[in-house]
Amino acid sequence: MEENKRGIINGATLMLFRNTITGTQYDEILEVVALADANLFKPYLYLIPFEKVRDKLQPVPVSKRAHPLSREYIIESLLSNEFEPVEVNQ
């Protein structure tokens, strides 16, 4: 959970630096992360149709992949109509 929190903060810091979010939004993200408990960090699965994001895909360098033979991509600006959540029952 702590690693996830650090990742969220790092992402928000990058977005602030790139002027993607405002200082107010950044502060709100930090507050939410500080108050978040373990229930907020359950796994989620999202279906992203390739056709909708084809032009946005940036390959992940081999050294940063979860597994060197996997295909992984970064999508910088995923819009809400480009994915759908999938319910995962545990």
PDB file of N, CA and C in Angstrom:
ATOM      1  N   MET A   1       0.818  -1.184   0.000  1.00  0.00           N
ATOM      2  CA  MET A   1       0.000   0.000   0.000  1.00  0.00           C
ATOM      3  C   MET A   1       0.868   1.256   0.000  1.00  0.00           C
ATOM      4  N   GLU A   2       1.919   1.253   0.768  1.00  0.00           N
ATOM      5  CA  GLU A   2       2.792   2.430   0.826  1.00  0.00           C
ATOM      6  C   GLU A   2       3.459   2.687  -0.525  1.00  0.00           C
ATOM      7  N   GLU A   3       3.824   1.614  -1.214  1.00  0.00           N
ATOM      8  CA  GLU A   3       4.423   1.769  -2.542  1.00  0.00           C
ATOM      9  C   GLU A   3       3.411   2.363  -3.525  1.00  0.00           C
ATOM     10  N   ASN A   4       2.161   1.931  -3.423  1.00  0.00           N
ATOM     11  CA  ASN A   4       1.107   2.501  -4.268  1.00  0.00           C
ATOM     12  C   ASN A   4       0.926   3.985  -3.974  1.00  0.00           C
ATOM     13  N   LYS A   5       0.940   4.340  -2.707  1.00  0.00           N
ATOM     14  CA  LYS A   5       0.806   5.750  -2.335  1.00  0.00           C
ATOM     15  C   LYS A   5       1.953   6.579  -2.912  1.00  0.00           C
ATOM     16  N   ARG A   6       3.163   6.049  -2.818  1.00  0.00           N
ATOM     17  CA  ARG A   6       4.321   6.774  -3.387  1.00  0.00           C
ATOM     18  C   ARG A   6       4.163   6.943  -4.893  1.00  0.00           C
ATOM     19  N   GLY A   7       3.651   5.900  -5.564  1.00  0.00           N
ATOM     20  CA  GLY A   7       3.440   5.977  -7.003  1.00  0.00           C
ATOM     21  C   GLY A   7       2.419   7.046  -7.374  1.00  0.00           C
ATOM     22  N   ILE A   8       1.350   7.140  -6.592  1.00  0.00           N
ATOM     23  CA  ILE A   8       0.324   8.157  -6.838  1.00  0.00           C
ATOM     24  C   ILE A   8       0.909   9.549  -6.633  1.00  0.00           C
ATOM     25  N   ILE A   9       1.667   9.722  -5.572  1.00  0.00           N
ATOM     26  CA  ILE A   9       2.286  11.023  -5.304  1.00  0.00           C
ATOM     27  C   ILE A   9       3.285  11.380  -6.397  1.00  0.00           C
ATOM     28  N   ASN A  10       4.093  10.407  -6.821  1.00  0.00           N
ATOM     29  CA  ASN A  10       5.055  10.672  -7.905  1.00  0.00           C
ATOM     30  C   ASN A  10       4.333  11.063  -9.193  1.00  0.00           C
ATOM     31  N   GLY A  11       3.244  10.365  -9.515  1.00  0.00           N
ATOM     32  CA  GLY A  11       2.470  10.686 -10.707  1.00  0.00           C
ATOM     33  C   GLY A  11       1.856  12.074 -10.617  1.00  0.00           C
ATOM     34  N   ALA A  12       1.324  12.417  -9.456  1.00  0.00           N
ATOM     35  CA  ALA A  12       0.732  13.741  -9.267  1.00  0.00           C
ATOM     36  C   ALA A  12       1.798  14.828  -9.362  1.00  0.00           C
ATOM     37  N   THR A  13       2.975  14.564  -8.816  1.00  0.00           N
ATOM     38  CA  THR A  13       4.069  15.540  -8.901  1.00  0.00           C
ATOM     39  C   THR A  13       4.461  15.776 -10.348  1.00  0.00           C
ATOM     40  N   LEU A  14       4.543  14.718 -11.129  1.00  0.00           N
ATOM     41  CA  LEU A  14       4.866  14.846 -12.546  1.00  0.00           C
ATOM     42  C   LEU A  14       3.781  15.636 -13.276  1.00  0.00           C
ATOM     43  N   MET A  15       2.528  15.340 -12.973  1.00  0.00           N
ATOM     44  CA  MET A  15       1.428  16.052 -13.625  1.00  0.00           C
ATOM     45  C   MET A  15       1.423  17.534 -13.246  1.00  0.00           C
ATOM     46  N   LEU A  16       1.782  17.850 -12.006  1.00  0.00           N
ATOM     47  CA  LEU A  16       1.885  19.244 -11.577  1.00  0.00           C
ATOM     48  C   LEU A  16       3.004  19.943 -12.339  1.00  0.00           C
ATOM     49  N   PHE A  17       4.136  19.276 -12.443  1.00  0.00           N
ATOM     50  CA  PHE A  17       5.295  19.822 -13.158  1.00  0.00           C
ATOM     51  C   PHE A  17       4.963  20.090 -14.625  1.00  0.00           C
ATOM     52  N   ARG A  18       4.139  19.211 -15.222  1.00  0.00           N
ATOM     53  CA  ARG A  18       3.757  19.361 -16.636  1.00  0.00           C
ATOM     54  C   ARG A  18       2.548  20.280 -16.826  1.00  0.00           C
ATOM     55  N   ASN A  19       2.064  20.860 -15.723  1.00  0.00           N
ATOM     56  CA  ASN A  19       0.885  21.732 -15.752  1.00  0.00           C
ATOM     57  C   ASN A  19      -0.372  21.009 -16.234  1.00  0.00           C
ATOM     58  N   THR A  20      -0.435  19.701 -15.983  1.00  0.00           N
ATOM     59  CA  THR A  20      -1.619  18.916 -16.310  1.00  0.00           C
ATOM     60  C   THR A  20      -2.666  19.077 -15.224  1.00  0.00           C
ATOM     61  N   ILE A  21      -2.225  19.313 -13.989  1.00  0.00           N
ATOM     62  CA  ILE A  21      -3.125  19.583 -12.869  1.00  0.00           C
ATOM     63  C   ILE A  21      -2.682  20.876 -12.191  1.00  0.00           C
ATOM     64  N   THR A  22      -3.589  21.459 -11.433  1.00  0.00           N
ATOM     65  CA  THR A  22      -3.288  22.697 -10.708  1.00  0.00           C
ATOM     66  C   THR A  22      -2.679  22.380  -9.343  1.00  0.00           C
ATOM     67  N   GLY A  23      -2.154  23.393  -8.702  1.00  0.00           N
ATOM     68  CA  GLY A  23      -1.634  23.231  -7.351  1.00  0.00           C
ATOM     69  C   GLY A  23      -2.715  22.792  -6.379  1.00  0.00           C
ATOM     70  N   THR A  24      -3.928  23.301  -6.568  1.00  0.00           N
ATOM     71  CA  THR A  24      -5.063  22.911  -5.717  1.00  0.00           C
ATOM     72  C   THR A  24      -5.390  21.436  -5.903  1.00  0.00           C
ATOM     73  N   GLN A  25      -5.409  20.980  -7.151  1.00  0.00           N
ATOM     74  CA  GLN A  25      -5.670  19.564  -7.416  1.00  0.00           C
ATOM     75  C   GLN A  25      -4.564  18.694  -6.827  1.00  0.00           C
ATOM     76  N   TYR A  26      -3.329  19.138  -6.942  1.00  0.00           N
ATOM     77  CA  TYR A  26      -2.191  18.410  -6.382  1.00  0.00           C
ATOM     78  C   TYR A  26      -2.345  18.274  -4.863  1.00  0.00           C
ATOM     79  N   ASP A  27      -2.668  19.381  -4.208  1.00  0.00           N
ATOM     80  CA  ASP A  27      -2.844  19.354  -2.746  1.00  0.00           C
ATOM     81  C   ASP A  27      -3.971  18.406  -2.345  1.00  0.00           C
ATOM     82  N   GLU A  28      -5.046  18.383  -3.138  1.00  0.00           N
ATOM     83  CA  GLU A  28      -6.166  17.484  -2.843  1.00  0.00           C
ATOM     84  C   GLU A  28      -5.739  16.025  -2.989  1.00  0.00           C
ATOM     85  N   ILE A  29      -4.960  15.726  -4.017  1.00  0.00           N
ATOM     86  CA  ILE A  29      -4.457  14.363  -4.202  1.00  0.00           C
ATOM     87  C   ILE A  29      -3.612  13.947  -3.008  1.00  0.00           C
ATOM     88  N   LEU A  30      -2.729  14.823  -2.556  1.00  0.00           N
ATOM     89  CA  LEU A  30      -1.886  14.505  -1.397  1.00  0.00           C
ATOM     90  C   LEU A  30      -2.728  14.248  -0.153  1.00  0.00           C
ATOM     91  N   GLU A  31      -3.785  15.030   0.024  1.00  0.00           N
ATOM     92  CA  GLU A  31      -4.652  14.842   1.187  1.00  0.00           C
ATOM     93  C   GLU A  31      -5.400  13.513   1.115  1.00  0.00           C
ATOM     94  N   VAL A  32      -5.923  13.186  -0.050  1.00  0.00           N
ATOM     95  CA  VAL A  32      -6.634  11.921  -0.227  1.00  0.00           C
ATOM     96  C   VAL A  32      -5.694  10.745   0.040  1.00  0.00           C
ATOM     97  N   VAL A  33      -4.477  10.812  -0.497  1.00  0.00           N
ATOM     98  CA  VAL A  33      -3.502   9.734  -0.287  1.00  0.00           C
ATOM     99  C   VAL A  33      -3.174   9.593   1.199  1.00  0.00           C
ATOM    100  N   ALA A  34      -3.013  10.716   1.883  1.00  0.00           N
ATOM    101  CA  ALA A  34      -2.686  10.669   3.313  1.00  0.00           C
ATOM    102  C   ALA A  34      -3.810  10.021   4.129  1.00  0.00           C
ATOM    103  N   LEU A  35      -5.062  10.221   3.700  1.00  0.00           N
ATOM    104  CA  LEU A  35      -6.199   9.701   4.449  1.00  0.00           C
ATOM    105  C   LEU A  35      -6.650   8.314   3.986  1.00  0.00           C
ATOM    106  N   ALA A  36      -6.092   7.830   2.892  1.00  0.00           N
ATOM    107  CA  ALA A  36      -6.535   6.560   2.304  1.00  0.00           C
ATOM    108  C   ALA A  36      -6.175   5.379   3.192  1.00  0.00           C
ATOM    109  N   ASP A  37      -7.116   4.421   3.267  1.00  0.00           N
ATOM    110  CA  ASP A  37      -6.825   3.190   3.996  1.00  0.00           C
ATOM    111  C   ASP A  37      -6.732   2.022   3.016  1.00  0.00           C
ATOM    112  N   ALA A  38      -6.458   0.853   3.520  1.00  0.00           N
ATOM    113  CA  ALA A  38      -6.196  -0.321   2.681  1.00  0.00           C
ATOM    114  C   ALA A  38      -7.371  -0.690   1.773  1.00  0.00           C
ATOM    115  N   ASN A  39      -8.595  -0.380   2.161  1.00  0.00           N
ATOM    116  CA  ASN A  39      -9.760  -0.733   1.345  1.00  0.00           C
ATOM    117  C   ASN A  39      -9.752  -0.031  -0.013  1.00  0.00           C
ATOM    118  N   LEU A  40      -9.095   1.089  -0.105  1.00  0.00           N
ATOM    119  CA  LEU A  40      -9.035   1.814  -1.375  1.00  0.00           C
ATOM    120  C   LEU A  40      -8.011   1.233  -2.337  1.00  0.00           C
ATOM    121  N   PHE A  41      -7.199   0.307  -1.876  1.00  0.00           N
ATOM    122  CA  PHE A  41      -6.119  -0.232  -2.692  1.00  0.00           C
ATOM    123  C   PHE A  41      -6.371  -1.675  -3.110  1.00  0.00           C
ATOM    124  N   LYS A  42      -7.601  -1.972  -3.459  1.00  0.00           N
ATOM    125  CA  LYS A  42      -7.911  -3.298  -3.977  1.00  0.00           C
ATOM    126  C   LYS A  42      -7.667  -3.306  -5.486  1.00  0.00           C
ATOM    127  N   PRO A  43      -7.465  -4.476  -6.068  1.00  0.00           N
ATOM    128  CA  PRO A  43      -7.168  -4.530  -7.511  1.00  0.00           C
ATOM    129  C   PRO A  43      -8.361  -4.115  -8.370  1.00  0.00           C
ATOM    130  N   TYR A  44      -8.075  -3.439  -9.446  1.00  0.00           N
ATOM    131  CA  TYR A  44      -9.074  -3.065 -10.441  1.00  0.00           C
ATOM    132  C   TYR A  44      -8.613  -3.538 -11.802  1.00  0.00           C
ATOM    133  N   LEU A  45      -9.552  -3.889 -12.639  1.00  0.00           N
ATOM    134  CA  LEU A  45      -9.251  -4.310 -13.995  1.00  0.00           C
ATOM    135  C   LEU A  45     -10.019  -3.410 -14.947  1.00  0.00           C
ATOM    136  N   TYR A  46      -9.308  -2.868 -15.933  1.00  0.00           N
ATOM    137  CA  TYR A  46      -9.926  -2.002 -16.933  1.00  0.00           C
ATOM    138  C   TYR A  46      -9.673  -2.586 -18.312  1.00  0.00           C
ATOM    139  N   LEU A  47     -10.709  -2.599 -19.129  1.00  0.00           N
ATOM    140  CA  LEU A  47     -10.608  -3.057 -20.503  1.00  0.00           C
ATOM    141  C   LEU A  47     -10.397  -1.825 -21.383  1.00  0.00           C
ATOM    142  N   ILE A  48      -9.288  -1.824 -22.131  1.00  0.00           N
ATOM    143  CA  ILE A  48      -8.956  -0.703 -23.010  1.00  0.00           C
ATOM    144  C   ILE A  48      -8.879  -1.233 -24.439  1.00  0.00           C
ATOM    145  N   PRO A  49      -9.899  -0.967 -25.258  1.00  0.00           N
ATOM    146  CA  PRO A  49      -9.868  -1.437 -26.644  1.00  0.00           C
ATOM    147  C   PRO A  49      -8.710  -0.789 -27.417  1.00  0.00           C
ATOM    148  N   PHE A  50      -7.893  -1.622 -28.029  1.00  0.00           N
ATOM    149  CA  PHE A  50      -6.699  -1.171 -28.746  1.00  0.00           C
ATOM    150  C   PHE A  50      -7.034  -0.111 -29.793  1.00  0.00           C
ATOM    151  N   GLU A  51      -8.132  -0.289 -30.502  1.00  0.00           N
ATOM    152  CA  GLU A  51      -8.501   0.624 -31.584  1.00  0.00           C
ATOM    153  C   GLU A  51      -8.700   2.054 -31.089  1.00  0.00           C
ATOM    154  N   LYS A  52      -9.141   2.203 -29.857  1.00  0.00           N
ATOM    155  CA  LYS A  52      -9.413   3.533 -29.315  1.00  0.00           C
ATOM    156  C   LYS A  52      -8.148   4.273 -28.888  1.00  0.00           C
ATOM    157  N   VAL A  53      -7.066   3.538 -28.622  1.00  0.00           N
ATOM    158  CA  VAL A  53      -5.862   4.182 -28.068  1.00  0.00           C
ATOM    159  C   VAL A  53      -4.609   3.963 -28.918  1.00  0.00           C
ATOM    160  N   ARG A  54      -4.756   3.329 -30.039  1.00  0.00           N
ATOM    161  CA  ARG A  54      -3.619   2.969 -30.902  1.00  0.00           C
ATOM    162  C   ARG A  54      -2.612   4.111 -31.071  1.00  0.00           C
ATOM    163  N   ASP A  55      -3.099   5.321 -31.331  1.00  0.00           N
ATOM    164  CA  ASP A  55      -2.213   6.460 -31.594  1.00  0.00           C
ATOM    165  C   ASP A  55      -1.612   7.069 -30.337  1.00  0.00           C
ATOM    166  N   LYS A  56      -2.028   6.610 -29.168  1.00  0.00           N
ATOM    167  CA  LYS A  56      -1.528   7.154 -27.898  1.00  0.00           C
ATOM    168  C   LYS A  56      -0.481   6.261 -27.231  1.00  0.00           C
ATOM    169  N   LEU A  57      -0.291   5.067 -27.748  1.00  0.00           N
ATOM    170  CA  LEU A  57       0.581   4.095 -27.084  1.00  0.00           C
ATOM    171  C   LEU A  57       2.048   4.472 -27.178  1.00  0.00           C
ATOM    172  N   GLN A  58       2.718   4.415 -26.034  1.00  0.00           N
ATOM    173  CA  GLN A  58       4.165   4.606 -25.967  1.00  0.00           C
ATOM    174  C   GLN A  58       4.759   3.332 -25.363  1.00  0.00           C
ATOM    175  N   PRO A  59       5.623   2.627 -26.102  1.00  0.00           N
ATOM    176  CA  PRO A  59       6.202   1.391 -25.563  1.00  0.00           C
ATOM    177  C   PRO A  59       7.004   1.640 -24.284  1.00  0.00           C
ATOM    178  N   VAL A  60       6.902   0.706 -23.356  1.00  0.00           N
ATOM    179  CA  VAL A  60       7.696   0.767 -22.120  1.00  0.00           C
ATOM    180  C   VAL A  60       9.053   0.140 -22.415  1.00  0.00           C
ATOM    181  N   PRO A  61      10.151   0.810 -22.027  1.00  0.00           N
ATOM    182  CA  PRO A  61      11.472   0.215 -22.245  1.00  0.00           C
ATOM    183  C   PRO A  61      11.590  -1.140 -21.543  1.00  0.00           C
ATOM    184  N   VAL A  62      12.311  -2.058 -22.137  1.00  0.00           N
ATOM    185  CA  VAL A  62      12.457  -3.417 -21.597  1.00  0.00           C
ATOM    186  C   VAL A  62      12.875  -3.381 -20.130  1.00  0.00           C
ATOM    187  N   SER A  63      13.782  -2.490 -19.772  1.00  0.00           N
ATOM    188  CA  SER A  63      14.291  -2.433 -18.396  1.00  0.00           C
ATOM    189  C   SER A  63      13.230  -2.027 -17.382  1.00  0.00           C
ATOM    190  N   LYS A  64      12.115  -1.465 -17.816  1.00  0.00           N
ATOM    191  CA  LYS A  64      11.073  -1.011 -16.897  1.00  0.00           C
ATOM    192  C   LYS A  64       9.823  -1.880 -16.927  1.00  0.00           C
ATOM    193  N   ARG A  65       9.823  -2.942 -17.720  1.00  0.00           N
ATOM    194  CA  ARG A  65       8.671  -3.825 -17.814  1.00  0.00           C
ATOM    195  C   ARG A  65       8.604  -4.778 -16.621  1.00  0.00           C
ATOM    196  N   ALA A  66       7.411  -5.257 -16.338  1.00  0.00           N
ATOM    197  CA  ALA A  66       7.234  -6.257 -15.282  1.00  0.00           C
ATOM    198  C   ALA A  66       7.958  -7.545 -15.631  1.00  0.00           C
ATOM    199  N   HIS A  67       7.988  -7.868 -16.916  1.00  0.00           N
ATOM    200  CA  HIS A  67       8.716  -9.033 -17.420  1.00  0.00           C
ATOM    201  C   HIS A  67       9.321  -8.630 -18.754  1.00  0.00           C
ATOM    202  N   PRO A  68      10.584  -8.970 -19.006  1.00  0.00           N
ATOM    203  CA  PRO A  68      11.248  -8.500 -20.225  1.00  0.00           C
ATOM    204  C   PRO A  68      10.578  -8.923 -21.532  1.00  0.00           C
ATOM    205  N   LEU A  69       9.803 -10.016 -21.525  1.00  0.00           N
ATOM    206  CA  LEU A  69       9.162 -10.474 -22.749  1.00  0.00           C
ATOM    207  C   LEU A  69       7.720  -9.982 -22.896  1.00  0.00           C
ATOM    208  N   SER A  70       7.232  -9.250 -21.908  1.00  0.00           N
ATOM    209  CA  SER A  70       5.851  -8.764 -22.001  1.00  0.00           C
ATOM    210  C   SER A  70       5.771  -7.527 -22.889  1.00  0.00           C
ATOM    211  N   ARG A  71       4.580  -7.294 -23.429  1.00  0.00           N
ATOM    212  CA  ARG A  71       4.341  -6.073 -24.198  1.00  0.00           C
ATOM    213  C   ARG A  71       3.614  -5.102 -23.280  1.00  0.00           C
ATOM    214  N   GLU A  72       4.229  -3.968 -23.017  1.00  0.00           N
ATOM    215  CA  GLU A  72       3.638  -2.981 -22.119  1.00  0.00           C
ATOM    216  C   GLU A  72       3.691  -1.617 -22.776  1.00  0.00           C
ATOM    217  N   TYR A  73       2.672  -0.815 -22.467  1.00  0.00           N
ATOM    218  CA  TYR A  73       2.582   0.517 -23.058  1.00  0.00           C
ATOM    219  C   TYR A  73       2.188   1.534 -22.000  1.00  0.00           C
ATOM    220  N   ILE A  74       2.535   2.766 -22.252  1.00  0.00           N
ATOM    221  CA  ILE A  74       2.090   3.897 -21.445  1.00  0.00           C
ATOM    222  C   ILE A  74       1.087   4.661 -22.291  1.00  0.00           C
ATOM    223  N   ILE A  75      -0.023   5.039 -21.663  1.00  0.00           N
ATOM    224  CA  ILE A  75      -1.011   5.890 -22.313  1.00  0.00           C
ATOM    225  C   ILE A  75      -1.114   7.141 -21.446  1.00  0.00           C
ATOM    226  N   GLU A  76      -0.513   8.223 -21.911  1.00  0.00           N
ATOM    227  CA  GLU A  76      -0.413   9.452 -21.105  1.00  0.00           C
ATOM    228  C   GLU A  76      -1.770  10.071 -20.782  1.00  0.00           C
ATOM    229  N   SER A  77      -2.676  10.116 -21.743  1.00  0.00           N
ATOM    230  CA  SER A  77      -3.938  10.837 -21.527  1.00  0.00           C
ATOM    231  C   SER A  77      -5.126   9.964 -21.924  1.00  0.00           C
ATOM    232  N   LEU A  78      -5.433   9.013 -21.081  1.00  0.00           N
ATOM    233  CA  LEU A  78      -6.548   8.099 -21.337  1.00  0.00           C
ATOM    234  C   LEU A  78      -7.856   8.795 -20.966  1.00  0.00           C
ATOM    235  N   LEU A  79      -8.765   8.887 -21.926  1.00  0.00           N
ATOM    236  CA  LEU A  79     -10.054   9.529 -21.707  1.00  0.00           C
ATOM    237  C   LEU A  79     -11.060   8.523 -21.138  1.00  0.00           C
ATOM    238  N   SER A  80     -12.060   9.015 -20.439  1.00  0.00           N
ATOM    239  CA  SER A  80     -13.020   8.129 -19.776  1.00  0.00           C
ATOM    240  C   SER A  80     -13.831   7.283 -20.761  1.00  0.00           C
ATOM    241  N   ASN A  81     -13.951   7.707 -22.007  1.00  0.00           N
ATOM    242  CA  ASN A  81     -14.690   6.908 -22.990  1.00  0.00           C
ATOM    243  C   ASN A  81     -13.792   5.913 -23.724  1.00  0.00           C
ATOM    244  N   GLU A  82     -12.538   5.787 -23.303  1.00  0.00           N
ATOM    245  CA  GLU A  82     -11.585   4.881 -23.948  1.00  0.00           C
ATOM    246  C   GLU A  82     -11.330   3.607 -23.132  1.00  0.00           C
ATOM    247  N   PHE A  83     -12.039   3.435 -22.046  1.00  0.00           N
ATOM    248  CA  PHE A  83     -11.881   2.231 -21.233  1.00  0.00           C
ATOM    249  C   PHE A  83     -13.172   1.950 -20.495  1.00  0.00           C
ATOM    250  N   GLU A  84     -13.282   0.726 -19.979  1.00  0.00           N
ATOM    251  CA  GLU A  84     -14.419   0.391 -19.131  1.00  0.00           C
ATOM    252  C   GLU A  84     -13.930  -0.516 -18.002  1.00  0.00           C
ATOM    253  N   PRO A  85     -14.446  -0.282 -16.793  1.00  0.00           N
ATOM    254  CA  PRO A  85     -14.060  -1.124 -15.665  1.00  0.00           C
ATOM    255  C   PRO A  85     -14.702  -2.496 -15.778  1.00  0.00           C
ATOM    256  N   VAL A  86     -13.989  -3.510 -15.308  1.00  0.00           N
ATOM    257  CA  VAL A  86     -14.486  -4.880 -15.289  1.00  0.00           C
ATOM    258  C   VAL A  86     -14.529  -5.326 -13.836  1.00  0.00           C
ATOM    259  N   GLU A  87     -15.665  -5.786 -13.405  1.00  0.00           N
ATOM    260  CA  GLU A  87     -15.835  -6.232 -12.015  1.00  0.00           C
ATOM    261  C   GLU A  87     -15.022  -7.496 -11.767  1.00  0.00           C
ATOM    262  N   VAL A  88     -14.222  -7.506 -10.721  1.00  0.00           N
ATOM    263  CA  VAL A  88     -13.428  -8.666 -10.343  1.00  0.00           C
ATOM    264  C   VAL A  88     -13.877  -9.106  -8.963  1.00  0.00           C
ATOM    265  N   ASN A  89     -14.409 -10.306  -8.881  1.00  0.00           N
ATOM    266  CA  ASN A  89     -14.845 -10.840  -7.589  1.00  0.00           C
ATOM    267  C   ASN A  89     -13.729 -11.668  -6.994  1.00  0.00           C
ATOM    268  N   GLN A  90     -13.397 -11.374  -5.749  1.00  0.00           N
ATOM    269  CA  GLN A  90     -12.317 -12.095  -5.075  1.00  0.00           C
ATOM    270  C   GLN A  90     -12.863 -13.062  -4.065  1.00  0.00           C
TER     271      GLN A  90
END
